[in-house]
Amino acid sequence: MRNVQVVLGVLFGVAVFLFLDYALPSRETVRITNTYNKLTDLGWNRIFYAAPDTGTVENQQGLRDIRFIDTVKPNGKPLVYRNEDTGLIWPPYFKYDSSNLHAVAGDLRSTSESPRWVSITSYGWRNDLLTIFPNAISITPVAGPGERPTNWPALVILVILGILLALFWRAWNRFREARISPAMTRAERRLERMDARADRAREIMA
């Protein structure tokens, strides 16, 4: 039983980590090289894209018109973002300005000879195999490639989650001490009395 609890605890911890890693905002200093729209065929990976009720446009063949932002990191590695509204439900970024953000991204495009560096706030993962892209939330110009603005939104959310977890843990310990521990103690005592009666019965029969 102990091993099962450990395995379930580890799986729960991994699930929480993956959830936070995907949903929390992240910031990356990059140089924008291109902005464009592309008709994209979404399959099972549709769960990593915006929900249909956010105003996304799909043609009769099921191809979705998605805005993309091509960027390059200071180390020269490419990083592609999608630019979709999020809506009101999930994730709770309440983003409805993807058109304006696309205009800002287009205005901040630059070349390697005359770079303009920006910090893009986004959520999600970039995975070539799954064909998924992080969703850009905001774009802020920075002084240079070495600039790393503090990710205050993620820090605030983590602090709030930490406080909620501490409150939940405290309430759970109180509930366990008040209800669960006494019930387990009573159950153990009943089992001990039953064992004692069974032992006496065996002695009498012997």
N, C-alpha and C. Protein backbone atom coordinates (compact mmCIF):
# COMPACT_ATOMS: atom_id res chain seq x y z
N MET A 1 0.83 -1.20 0.00
CA MET A 1 0.00 0.00 0.00
C MET A 1 0.87 1.26 0.00
N ARG A 2 1.96 1.19 0.78
CA ARG A 2 2.87 2.33 0.86
C ARG A 2 3.47 2.64 -0.51
N ASN A 3 3.86 1.59 -1.24
CA ASN A 3 4.45 1.78 -2.57
C ASN A 3 3.44 2.40 -3.54
N VAL A 4 2.18 1.99 -3.44
CA VAL A 4 1.14 2.55 -4.30
C VAL A 4 0.98 4.04 -4.02
N GLN A 5 0.99 4.41 -2.75
CA GLN A 5 0.86 5.82 -2.39
C GLN A 5 2.03 6.63 -2.93
N VAL A 6 3.23 6.07 -2.85
CA VAL A 6 4.42 6.78 -3.37
C VAL A 6 4.31 6.98 -4.87
N VAL A 7 3.91 5.93 -5.59
CA VAL A 7 3.77 6.02 -7.04
C VAL A 7 2.71 7.05 -7.42
N LEU A 8 1.56 7.01 -6.73
CA LEU A 8 0.50 7.98 -7.01
C LEU A 8 0.96 9.41 -6.70
N GLY A 9 1.72 9.56 -5.63
CA GLY A 9 2.24 10.88 -5.27
C GLY A 9 3.20 11.41 -6.32
N VAL A 10 4.08 10.54 -6.81
CA VAL A 10 5.03 10.95 -7.85
C VAL A 10 4.29 11.32 -9.14
N LEU A 11 3.32 10.50 -9.54
CA LEU A 11 2.55 10.79 -10.75
C LEU A 11 1.79 12.11 -10.62
N PHE A 12 1.22 12.36 -9.45
CA PHE A 12 0.51 13.61 -9.22
C PHE A 12 1.46 14.80 -9.30
N GLY A 13 2.65 14.64 -8.70
CA GLY A 13 3.64 15.72 -8.75
C GLY A 13 4.08 16.01 -10.17
N VAL A 14 4.31 14.96 -10.97
CA VAL A 14 4.70 15.15 -12.37
C VAL A 14 3.59 15.85 -13.15
N ALA A 15 2.33 15.45 -12.90
CA ALA A 15 1.20 16.06 -13.60
C ALA A 15 1.09 17.54 -13.25
N VAL A 16 1.27 17.88 -11.97
CA VAL A 16 1.20 19.29 -11.56
C VAL A 16 2.33 20.09 -12.20
N PHE A 17 3.54 19.50 -12.23
CA PHE A 17 4.68 20.19 -12.84
C PHE A 17 4.44 20.46 -14.32
N LEU A 18 3.95 19.46 -15.06
CA LEU A 18 3.68 19.63 -16.48
C LEU A 18 2.59 20.67 -16.72
N PHE A 19 1.56 20.64 -15.87
CA PHE A 19 0.48 21.62 -15.99
C PHE A 19 1.00 23.04 -15.81
N LEU A 20 1.79 23.25 -14.76
CA LEU A 20 2.32 24.59 -14.50
C LEU A 20 3.32 25.00 -15.58
N ASP A 21 4.13 24.05 -16.04
CA ASP A 21 5.12 24.36 -17.07
C ASP A 21 4.44 24.81 -18.37
N TYR A 22 3.28 24.23 -18.67
CA TYR A 22 2.56 24.60 -19.88
C TYR A 22 1.77 25.89 -19.70
N ALA A 23 1.09 26.03 -18.57
CA ALA A 23 0.12 27.11 -18.41
C ALA A 23 0.73 28.43 -17.92
N LEU A 24 1.82 28.37 -17.16
CA LEU A 24 2.38 29.61 -16.62
C LEU A 24 3.06 30.42 -17.71
N PRO A 25 3.01 31.74 -17.61
CA PRO A 25 3.67 32.57 -18.62
C PRO A 25 5.19 32.47 -18.51
N SER A 26 5.85 32.50 -19.66
CA SER A 26 7.31 32.52 -19.71
C SER A 26 7.75 33.68 -20.58
N ARG A 27 9.00 34.12 -20.40
CA ARG A 27 9.52 35.24 -21.18
C ARG A 27 10.80 34.84 -21.88
N GLU A 28 10.92 35.25 -23.14
CA GLU A 28 12.10 34.91 -23.94
C GLU A 28 12.54 36.15 -24.72
N THR A 29 13.82 36.46 -24.64
CA THR A 29 14.37 37.57 -25.41
C THR A 29 14.75 37.06 -26.80
N VAL A 30 14.15 37.65 -27.83
CA VAL A 30 14.33 37.17 -29.21
C VAL A 30 14.36 38.35 -30.17
N ARG A 31 14.65 38.04 -31.44
CA ARG A 31 14.57 39.00 -32.53
C ARG A 31 13.53 38.50 -33.52
N ILE A 32 12.53 39.32 -33.83
CA ILE A 32 11.46 38.93 -34.74
C ILE A 32 11.95 39.03 -36.18
N THR A 33 11.79 37.95 -36.93
CA THR A 33 12.25 37.92 -38.32
C THR A 33 11.12 37.92 -39.32
N ASN A 34 9.92 37.46 -38.91
CA ASN A 34 8.82 37.37 -39.88
C ASN A 34 7.50 37.20 -39.15
N THR A 35 6.43 37.67 -39.78
CA THR A 35 5.07 37.45 -39.30
C THR A 35 4.21 37.07 -40.49
N TYR A 36 3.31 36.10 -40.30
CA TYR A 36 2.51 35.64 -41.43
C TYR A 36 1.31 34.83 -40.93
N ASN A 37 0.38 34.59 -41.82
CA ASN A 37 -0.76 33.70 -41.57
C ASN A 37 -0.55 32.41 -42.36
N LYS A 38 -1.02 31.29 -41.78
CA LYS A 38 -0.85 30.01 -42.45
C LYS A 38 -2.06 29.12 -42.19
N LEU A 39 -2.60 28.53 -43.24
CA LEU A 39 -3.67 27.55 -43.08
C LEU A 39 -3.07 26.26 -42.53
N THR A 40 -3.53 25.86 -41.35
CA THR A 40 -2.93 24.75 -40.62
C THR A 40 -3.94 23.65 -40.41
N ASP A 41 -3.52 22.42 -40.71
CA ASP A 41 -4.38 21.25 -40.51
C ASP A 41 -4.17 20.72 -39.10
N LEU A 42 -5.19 20.86 -38.25
CA LEU A 42 -5.12 20.42 -36.87
C LEU A 42 -5.72 19.03 -36.74
N GLY A 43 -4.99 18.14 -36.09
CA GLY A 43 -5.49 16.79 -35.83
C GLY A 43 -5.71 16.59 -34.35
N TRP A 44 -5.10 15.51 -33.83
CA TRP A 44 -5.25 15.24 -32.39
C TRP A 44 -4.57 16.29 -31.54
N ASN A 45 -3.61 17.06 -32.13
CA ASN A 45 -2.93 18.10 -31.37
C ASN A 45 -3.77 19.36 -31.21
N ARG A 46 -5.04 19.29 -31.62
CA ARG A 46 -5.94 20.43 -31.53
C ARG A 46 -6.07 20.95 -30.09
N ILE A 47 -5.86 20.07 -29.11
CA ILE A 47 -5.99 20.47 -27.71
C ILE A 47 -4.95 21.51 -27.32
N PHE A 48 -3.87 21.63 -28.09
CA PHE A 48 -2.83 22.60 -27.78
C PHE A 48 -3.05 23.93 -28.50
N TYR A 49 -4.17 24.07 -29.19
CA TYR A 49 -4.49 25.30 -29.89
C TYR A 49 -5.73 25.93 -29.28
N ALA A 50 -6.07 27.11 -29.76
CA ALA A 50 -7.21 27.83 -29.21
C ALA A 50 -8.52 27.08 -29.48
N ALA A 51 -9.47 27.26 -28.57
CA ALA A 51 -10.78 26.65 -28.74
C ALA A 51 -11.54 27.35 -29.87
N PRO A 52 -12.45 26.61 -30.55
CA PRO A 52 -13.19 27.21 -31.68
C PRO A 52 -14.00 28.43 -31.29
N ASP A 53 -14.46 28.52 -30.02
CA ASP A 53 -15.31 29.63 -29.63
C ASP A 53 -14.55 30.93 -29.38
N THR A 54 -13.24 30.95 -29.64
CA THR A 54 -12.47 32.18 -29.45
C THR A 54 -12.43 33.02 -30.72
N GLY A 55 -13.16 32.62 -31.73
CA GLY A 55 -13.22 33.39 -32.96
C GLY A 55 -12.25 32.93 -34.02
N THR A 56 -11.69 31.74 -33.87
CA THR A 56 -10.77 31.22 -34.88
C THR A 56 -11.53 30.92 -36.17
N VAL A 57 -10.83 31.04 -37.29
CA VAL A 57 -11.44 30.85 -38.61
C VAL A 57 -10.94 29.55 -39.22
N GLU A 58 -11.88 28.68 -39.58
CA GLU A 58 -11.55 27.43 -40.26
C GLU A 58 -12.36 27.33 -41.54
N ASN A 59 -11.72 26.82 -42.62
CA ASN A 59 -12.44 26.68 -43.88
C ASN A 59 -13.19 25.35 -43.91
N GLN A 60 -13.82 25.05 -45.03
CA GLN A 60 -14.64 23.85 -45.14
C GLN A 60 -13.81 22.57 -45.03
N GLN A 61 -12.53 22.65 -45.35
CA GLN A 61 -11.65 21.49 -45.23
C GLN A 61 -11.11 21.30 -43.82
N GLY A 62 -11.49 22.19 -42.88
CA GLY A 62 -11.02 22.08 -41.51
C GLY A 62 -9.67 22.71 -41.26
N LEU A 63 -9.15 23.46 -42.24
CA LEU A 63 -7.86 24.13 -42.07
C LEU A 63 -8.08 25.44 -41.32
N ARG A 64 -7.28 25.68 -40.31
CA ARG A 64 -7.43 26.88 -39.49
C ARG A 64 -6.43 27.95 -39.91
N ASP A 65 -6.91 29.17 -40.01
CA ASP A 65 -6.05 30.31 -40.34
C ASP A 65 -5.39 30.81 -39.06
N ILE A 66 -4.10 30.54 -38.91
CA ILE A 66 -3.37 30.86 -37.68
C ILE A 66 -2.27 31.87 -37.98
N ARG A 67 -2.14 32.85 -37.10
CA ARG A 67 -1.05 33.80 -37.20
C ARG A 67 0.20 33.21 -36.54
N PHE A 68 1.36 33.42 -37.17
CA PHE A 68 2.62 32.94 -36.63
C PHE A 68 3.64 34.08 -36.57
N ILE A 69 4.54 33.97 -35.61
CA ILE A 69 5.63 34.95 -35.44
C ILE A 69 6.94 34.18 -35.41
N ASP A 70 7.77 34.39 -36.42
CA ASP A 70 9.09 33.75 -36.46
C ASP A 70 10.10 34.61 -35.71
N THR A 71 10.90 33.98 -34.86
CA THR A 71 11.91 34.72 -34.10
C THR A 71 13.21 33.93 -34.07
N VAL A 72 14.25 34.62 -33.64
CA VAL A 72 15.55 34.00 -33.45
C VAL A 72 16.08 34.40 -32.08
N LYS A 73 16.58 33.42 -31.32
CA LYS A 73 17.15 33.69 -30.01
C LYS A 73 18.54 34.32 -30.16
N PRO A 74 19.08 34.89 -29.09
CA PRO A 74 20.43 35.45 -29.15
C PRO A 74 21.50 34.43 -29.54
N ASN A 75 21.26 33.13 -29.26
CA ASN A 75 22.23 32.10 -29.63
C ASN A 75 22.06 31.62 -31.07
N GLY A 76 21.11 32.22 -31.79
CA GLY A 76 20.91 31.88 -33.19
C GLY A 76 19.87 30.81 -33.44
N LYS A 77 19.30 30.21 -32.40
CA LYS A 77 18.30 29.16 -32.58
C LYS A 77 16.93 29.78 -32.87
N PRO A 78 16.19 29.22 -33.82
CA PRO A 78 14.86 29.76 -34.14
C PRO A 78 13.82 29.36 -33.09
N LEU A 79 12.83 30.20 -32.95
CA LEU A 79 11.70 29.92 -32.06
C LEU A 79 10.45 30.52 -32.69
N VAL A 80 9.48 29.66 -33.02
CA VAL A 80 8.27 30.09 -33.70
C VAL A 80 7.12 30.14 -32.69
N TYR A 81 6.38 31.24 -32.70
CA TYR A 81 5.20 31.42 -31.85
C TYR A 81 3.95 31.41 -32.71
N ARG A 82 2.85 30.95 -32.14
CA ARG A 82 1.55 31.21 -32.74
C ARG A 82 0.95 32.40 -32.03
N ASN A 83 -0.05 33.00 -32.65
CA ASN A 83 -0.67 34.20 -32.09
C ASN A 83 -2.17 34.05 -32.21
N GLU A 84 -2.78 33.44 -31.17
CA GLU A 84 -4.22 33.18 -31.15
C GLU A 84 -4.85 33.78 -29.90
N ASP A 85 -6.11 34.20 -30.04
CA ASP A 85 -6.87 34.63 -28.86
C ASP A 85 -7.10 33.43 -27.95
N THR A 86 -7.24 33.71 -26.65
CA THR A 86 -7.44 32.62 -25.69
C THR A 86 -8.88 32.50 -25.20
N GLY A 87 -9.65 33.58 -25.28
CA GLY A 87 -11.01 33.51 -24.78
C GLY A 87 -11.09 33.70 -23.28
N LEU A 88 -12.23 33.29 -22.71
CA LEU A 88 -12.50 33.53 -21.29
C LEU A 88 -12.24 32.31 -20.41
N ILE A 89 -12.17 31.12 -21.00
CA ILE A 89 -12.14 29.92 -20.18
C ILE A 89 -10.72 29.44 -19.94
N TRP A 90 -10.08 28.90 -20.95
CA TRP A 90 -8.76 28.31 -20.76
C TRP A 90 -7.86 28.60 -21.94
N PRO A 91 -6.61 28.94 -21.66
CA PRO A 91 -6.09 29.36 -20.35
C PRO A 91 -6.56 30.77 -20.01
N PRO A 92 -6.59 31.14 -18.75
CA PRO A 92 -7.23 32.40 -18.33
C PRO A 92 -6.37 33.64 -18.57
N TYR A 93 -5.97 33.86 -19.82
CA TYR A 93 -5.20 35.07 -20.14
C TYR A 93 -6.08 36.17 -20.73
N PHE A 94 -7.32 35.84 -21.06
CA PHE A 94 -8.29 36.82 -21.57
C PHE A 94 -7.70 37.63 -22.72
N LYS A 95 -7.06 36.93 -23.64
CA LYS A 95 -6.41 37.60 -24.78
C LYS A 95 -7.37 37.68 -25.95
N TYR A 96 -7.67 38.91 -26.39
CA TYR A 96 -8.52 39.13 -27.55
C TYR A 96 -7.89 40.10 -28.53
N ASP A 97 -6.58 40.34 -28.39
CA ASP A 97 -5.93 41.35 -29.22
C ASP A 97 -4.88 40.75 -30.15
N SER A 98 -5.12 39.53 -30.64
CA SER A 98 -4.11 38.89 -31.49
C SER A 98 -3.85 39.71 -32.76
N SER A 99 -4.87 40.40 -33.28
CA SER A 99 -4.66 41.24 -34.47
C SER A 99 -3.70 42.39 -34.15
N ASN A 100 -3.93 43.06 -33.02
CA ASN A 100 -3.05 44.15 -32.63
C ASN A 100 -1.64 43.65 -32.34
N LEU A 101 -1.54 42.49 -31.68
CA LEU A 101 -0.23 41.94 -31.36
C LEU A 101 0.53 41.59 -32.63
N HIS A 102 -0.21 41.13 -33.65
CA HIS A 102 0.44 40.80 -34.91
C HIS A 102 0.98 42.06 -35.59
N ALA A 103 0.25 43.15 -35.47
CA ALA A 103 0.72 44.41 -36.03
C ALA A 103 1.97 44.89 -35.31
N VAL A 104 1.99 44.75 -34.00
CA VAL A 104 3.17 45.15 -33.21
C VAL A 104 4.37 44.29 -33.60
N ALA A 105 4.15 42.98 -33.72
CA ALA A 105 5.24 42.08 -34.09
C ALA A 105 5.78 42.42 -35.47
N GLY A 106 4.89 42.73 -36.41
CA GLY A 106 5.34 43.09 -37.75
C GLY A 106 6.15 44.37 -37.75
N ASP A 107 5.78 45.32 -36.91
CA ASP A 107 6.49 46.58 -36.84
C ASP A 107 7.87 46.43 -36.21
N LEU A 108 8.07 45.37 -35.39
CA LEU A 108 9.33 45.17 -34.69
C LEU A 108 10.25 44.18 -35.39
N ARG A 109 9.94 43.79 -36.61
CA ARG A 109 10.82 42.89 -37.35
C ARG A 109 12.17 43.55 -37.62
N SER A 110 13.20 42.73 -37.64
CA SER A 110 14.54 43.27 -37.88
C SER A 110 15.43 42.20 -38.51
N THR A 111 16.60 42.63 -38.93
CA THR A 111 17.57 41.73 -39.54
C THR A 111 18.75 41.53 -38.60
N SER A 112 19.58 40.54 -38.93
CA SER A 112 20.76 40.28 -38.12
C SER A 112 21.77 41.43 -38.19
N GLU A 113 21.76 42.18 -39.30
CA GLU A 113 22.67 43.31 -39.43
C GLU A 113 22.24 44.49 -38.57
N SER A 114 20.93 44.65 -38.39
CA SER A 114 20.40 45.73 -37.57
C SER A 114 19.31 45.18 -36.66
N PRO A 115 19.70 44.42 -35.63
CA PRO A 115 18.72 43.72 -34.80
C PRO A 115 17.95 44.65 -33.86
N ARG A 116 16.71 44.28 -33.64
CA ARG A 116 15.87 44.92 -32.61
C ARG A 116 15.38 43.80 -31.71
N TRP A 117 15.76 43.84 -30.45
CA TRP A 117 15.47 42.74 -29.53
C TRP A 117 14.21 43.03 -28.73
N VAL A 118 13.42 42.00 -28.53
CA VAL A 118 12.17 42.12 -27.80
C VAL A 118 12.05 40.97 -26.79
N SER A 119 11.23 41.18 -25.79
CA SER A 119 10.89 40.12 -24.84
C SER A 119 9.45 39.69 -25.10
N ILE A 120 9.27 38.43 -25.47
CA ILE A 120 7.93 37.91 -25.76
C ILE A 120 7.44 37.07 -24.59
N THR A 121 6.30 37.44 -24.05
CA THR A 121 5.66 36.65 -23.00
C THR A 121 4.69 35.67 -23.66
N SER A 122 4.77 34.42 -23.29
CA SER A 122 3.94 33.39 -23.91
C SER A 122 3.65 32.28 -22.91
N TYR A 123 2.80 31.36 -23.33
CA TYR A 123 2.58 30.13 -22.56
C TYR A 123 2.56 28.98 -23.55
N GLY A 124 2.80 27.78 -23.06
CA GLY A 124 2.76 26.60 -23.93
C GLY A 124 4.14 26.09 -24.26
N TRP A 125 4.18 25.05 -25.10
CA TRP A 125 5.43 24.39 -25.47
C TRP A 125 5.67 24.51 -26.96
N ARG A 126 6.94 24.41 -27.33
CA ARG A 126 7.32 24.26 -28.73
C ARG A 126 7.84 22.85 -28.93
N ASN A 127 7.19 22.09 -29.81
CA ASN A 127 7.58 20.72 -30.06
C ASN A 127 7.43 20.42 -31.55
N ASP A 128 8.55 20.11 -32.20
CA ASP A 128 8.51 19.85 -33.64
C ASP A 128 7.72 18.59 -33.96
N LEU A 129 7.87 17.55 -33.13
CA LEU A 129 7.20 16.27 -33.40
C LEU A 129 5.69 16.40 -33.30
N LEU A 130 5.22 17.13 -32.30
CA LEU A 130 3.78 17.30 -32.10
C LEU A 130 3.21 18.46 -32.90
N THR A 131 4.08 19.26 -33.50
CA THR A 131 3.69 20.46 -34.25
C THR A 131 2.85 21.39 -33.38
N ILE A 132 3.40 21.77 -32.25
CA ILE A 132 2.74 22.72 -31.37
C ILE A 132 3.69 23.88 -31.11
N PHE A 133 3.09 25.04 -30.82
CA PHE A 133 3.85 26.27 -30.66
C PHE A 133 3.36 27.02 -29.42
N PRO A 134 4.26 27.72 -28.73
CA PRO A 134 3.80 28.58 -27.63
C PRO A 134 2.97 29.73 -28.19
N ASN A 135 1.99 30.17 -27.41
CA ASN A 135 1.10 31.24 -27.84
C ASN A 135 1.60 32.56 -27.26
N ALA A 136 1.95 33.50 -28.14
CA ALA A 136 2.46 34.80 -27.69
C ALA A 136 1.35 35.61 -27.03
N ILE A 137 1.67 36.22 -25.88
CA ILE A 137 0.70 37.02 -25.14
C ILE A 137 0.99 38.51 -25.26
N SER A 138 2.27 38.87 -25.16
CA SER A 138 2.65 40.27 -25.26
C SER A 138 4.07 40.38 -25.78
N ILE A 139 4.41 41.56 -26.32
CA ILE A 139 5.75 41.81 -26.86
C ILE A 139 6.24 43.15 -26.31
N THR A 140 7.45 43.14 -25.74
CA THR A 140 8.02 44.34 -25.16
C THR A 140 9.44 44.55 -25.69
N PRO A 141 9.75 45.69 -26.28
CA PRO A 141 11.12 45.95 -26.73
C PRO A 141 12.09 45.99 -25.55
N VAL A 142 13.30 45.47 -25.74
CA VAL A 142 14.34 45.51 -24.71
C VAL A 142 15.61 46.10 -25.31
N ALA A 143 16.56 46.44 -24.43
CA ALA A 143 17.76 47.16 -24.87
C ALA A 143 18.70 46.30 -25.70
N GLY A 144 18.77 45.00 -25.39
CA GLY A 144 19.71 44.15 -26.10
C GLY A 144 19.46 42.68 -25.84
N PRO A 145 20.26 41.82 -26.45
CA PRO A 145 20.04 40.37 -26.31
C PRO A 145 20.32 39.84 -24.91
N GLY A 146 21.04 40.62 -24.11
CA GLY A 146 21.33 40.17 -22.75
C GLY A 146 20.25 40.51 -21.75
N GLU A 147 19.26 41.26 -22.17
CA GLU A 147 18.17 41.65 -21.26
C GLU A 147 17.29 40.45 -20.94
N ARG A 148 17.01 40.23 -19.66
CA ARG A 148 16.13 39.15 -19.21
C ARG A 148 15.14 39.73 -18.20
N PRO A 149 14.05 40.32 -18.66
CA PRO A 149 13.08 40.91 -17.74
C PRO A 149 12.54 39.88 -16.75
N THR A 150 12.37 40.30 -15.52
CA THR A 150 11.84 39.40 -14.49
C THR A 150 10.42 38.96 -14.84
N ASN A 151 10.18 37.68 -14.71
CA ASN A 151 8.87 37.13 -15.05
C ASN A 151 7.93 37.27 -13.85
N TRP A 152 7.51 38.52 -13.60
CA TRP A 152 6.67 38.79 -12.43
C TRP A 152 5.35 38.04 -12.44
N PRO A 153 4.63 37.93 -13.57
CA PRO A 153 3.35 37.19 -13.54
C PRO A 153 3.49 35.77 -13.03
N ALA A 154 4.51 35.05 -13.52
CA ALA A 154 4.70 33.66 -13.08
C ALA A 154 5.07 33.62 -11.59
N LEU A 155 5.91 34.55 -11.14
CA LEU A 155 6.31 34.58 -9.73
C LEU A 155 5.11 34.83 -8.83
N VAL A 156 4.25 35.79 -9.23
CA VAL A 156 3.07 36.10 -8.42
C VAL A 156 2.14 34.88 -8.34
N ILE A 157 1.93 34.23 -9.49
CA ILE A 157 1.04 33.06 -9.51
C ILE A 157 1.61 31.95 -8.63
N LEU A 158 2.93 31.71 -8.71
CA LEU A 158 3.54 30.66 -7.89
C LEU A 158 3.44 30.98 -6.41
N VAL A 159 3.60 32.25 -6.04
CA VAL A 159 3.46 32.64 -4.63
C VAL A 159 2.04 32.39 -4.15
N ILE A 160 1.06 32.78 -4.98
CA ILE A 160 -0.35 32.56 -4.60
C ILE A 160 -0.64 31.07 -4.47
N LEU A 161 -0.15 30.27 -5.41
CA LEU A 161 -0.35 28.82 -5.33
C LEU A 161 0.32 28.23 -4.10
N GLY A 162 1.51 28.76 -3.76
CA GLY A 162 2.21 28.28 -2.56
C GLY A 162 1.42 28.57 -1.30
N ILE A 163 0.84 29.78 -1.23
CA ILE A 163 0.03 30.14 -0.07
C ILE A 163 -1.21 29.25 0.03
N LEU A 164 -1.88 29.04 -1.11
CA LEU A 164 -3.06 28.17 -1.12
C LEU A 164 -2.70 26.75 -0.71
N LEU A 165 -1.55 26.26 -1.19
CA LEU A 165 -1.12 24.92 -0.83
C LEU A 165 -0.83 24.81 0.66
N ALA A 166 -0.20 25.85 1.23
CA ALA A 166 0.09 25.84 2.66
C ALA A 166 -1.20 25.85 3.48
N LEU A 167 -2.18 26.65 3.05
CA LEU A 167 -3.47 26.68 3.75
C LEU A 167 -4.19 25.34 3.65
N PHE A 168 -4.14 24.73 2.46
CA PHE A 168 -4.78 23.43 2.28
C PHE A 168 -4.10 22.38 3.15
N TRP A 169 -2.76 22.39 3.18
CA TRP A 169 -2.02 21.42 3.98
C TRP A 169 -2.34 21.57 5.47
N ARG A 170 -2.45 22.82 5.91
CA ARG A 170 -2.78 23.07 7.32
C ARG A 170 -4.19 22.57 7.64
N ALA A 171 -5.14 22.87 6.75
CA ALA A 171 -6.51 22.42 6.97
C ALA A 171 -6.60 20.90 6.93
N TRP A 172 -5.84 20.26 6.02
CA TRP A 172 -5.84 18.81 5.93
C TRP A 172 -5.27 18.18 7.19
N ASN A 173 -4.19 18.72 7.74
CA ASN A 173 -3.61 18.19 8.97
C ASN A 173 -4.58 18.31 10.14
N ARG A 174 -5.28 19.43 10.21
CA ARG A 174 -6.27 19.59 11.28
C ARG A 174 -7.40 18.59 11.14
N PHE A 175 -7.87 18.41 9.90
CA PHE A 175 -8.94 17.44 9.66
C PHE A 175 -8.48 16.03 10.00
N ARG A 176 -7.24 15.70 9.62
CA ARG A 176 -6.72 14.37 9.90
C ARG A 176 -6.60 14.13 11.40
N GLU A 177 -6.09 15.13 12.13
CA GLU A 177 -5.95 14.98 13.57
C GLU A 177 -7.29 14.91 14.28
N ALA A 178 -8.28 15.64 13.74
CA ALA A 178 -9.59 15.69 14.41
C ALA A 178 -10.49 14.53 14.04
N ARG A 179 -10.39 14.02 12.83
CA ARG A 179 -11.32 13.00 12.37
C ARG A 179 -10.65 11.68 12.00
N ILE A 180 -9.67 11.72 11.14
CA ILE A 180 -9.11 10.48 10.61
C ILE A 180 -8.31 9.72 11.66
N SER A 181 -7.40 10.41 12.36
CA SER A 181 -6.55 9.72 13.35
C SER A 181 -7.37 9.07 14.45
N PRO A 182 -8.36 9.77 15.07
CA PRO A 182 -9.19 9.10 16.07
C PRO A 182 -9.94 7.90 15.52
N ALA A 183 -10.45 8.01 14.28
CA ALA A 183 -11.19 6.89 13.68
C ALA A 183 -10.26 5.69 13.47
N MET A 184 -9.04 5.94 13.03
CA MET A 184 -8.09 4.85 12.85
C MET A 184 -7.71 4.23 14.17
N THR A 185 -7.56 5.06 15.20
CA THR A 185 -7.24 4.54 16.53
C THR A 185 -8.34 3.64 17.05
N ARG A 186 -9.60 4.08 16.88
CA ARG A 186 -10.73 3.26 17.31
C ARG A 186 -10.79 1.95 16.54
N ALA A 187 -10.53 2.01 15.25
CA ALA A 187 -10.54 0.79 14.43
C ALA A 187 -9.44 -0.17 14.88
N GLU A 188 -8.26 0.36 15.17
CA GLU A 188 -7.17 -0.50 15.64
C GLU A 188 -7.53 -1.15 16.98
N ARG A 189 -8.16 -0.42 17.86
CA ARG A 189 -8.56 -0.97 19.15
C ARG A 189 -9.61 -2.07 18.98
N ARG A 190 -10.55 -1.86 18.05
CA ARG A 190 -11.55 -2.90 17.79
C ARG A 190 -10.87 -4.17 17.28
N LEU A 191 -9.92 -3.99 16.37
CA LEU A 191 -9.20 -5.16 15.85
C LEU A 191 -8.42 -5.86 16.95
N GLU A 192 -7.82 -5.10 17.85
CA GLU A 192 -7.09 -5.71 18.96
C GLU A 192 -8.02 -6.51 19.86
N ARG A 193 -9.23 -5.93 20.17
CA ARG A 193 -10.19 -6.65 21.00
C ARG A 193 -10.68 -7.93 20.32
N MET A 194 -10.91 -7.81 18.97
CA MET A 194 -11.34 -9.00 18.24
C MET A 194 -10.25 -10.07 18.24
N ASP A 195 -9.00 -9.68 18.10
CA ASP A 195 -7.90 -10.64 18.15
C ASP A 195 -7.81 -11.29 19.52
N ALA A 196 -8.02 -10.46 20.57
CA ALA A 196 -7.95 -11.00 21.92
C ALA A 196 -9.06 -12.02 22.15
N ARG A 197 -10.29 -11.71 21.69
CA ARG A 197 -11.39 -12.67 21.86
C ARG A 197 -11.13 -13.93 21.06
N ALA A 198 -10.56 -13.76 19.86
CA ALA A 198 -10.25 -14.95 19.05
C ALA A 198 -9.20 -15.81 19.75
N ASP A 199 -8.19 -15.21 20.38
CA ASP A 199 -7.18 -15.96 21.09
C ASP A 199 -7.78 -16.72 22.29
N ARG A 200 -8.68 -16.05 23.02
CA ARG A 200 -9.32 -16.73 24.16
C ARG A 200 -10.17 -17.88 23.70
N ALA A 201 -10.87 -17.68 22.56
CA ALA A 201 -11.71 -18.76 22.04
C ALA A 201 -10.87 -19.95 21.64
N ARG A 202 -9.71 -19.72 21.02
CA ARG A 202 -8.85 -20.81 20.64
C ARG A 202 -8.29 -21.53 21.87
N GLU A 203 -7.98 -20.78 22.94
CA GLU A 203 -7.48 -21.40 24.17
C GLU A 203 -8.52 -22.29 24.80
N ILE A 204 -9.81 -21.81 24.78
CA ILE A 204 -10.88 -22.62 25.37
C ILE A 204 -11.09 -23.91 24.60
N MET A 205 -11.08 -23.78 23.26
CA MET A 205 -11.30 -24.95 22.42
C MET A 205 -10.14 -25.95 22.53
N ALA A 206 -8.93 -25.41 22.81
CA ALA A 206 -7.79 -26.32 22.94
C ALA A 206 -7.88 -27.07 24.25
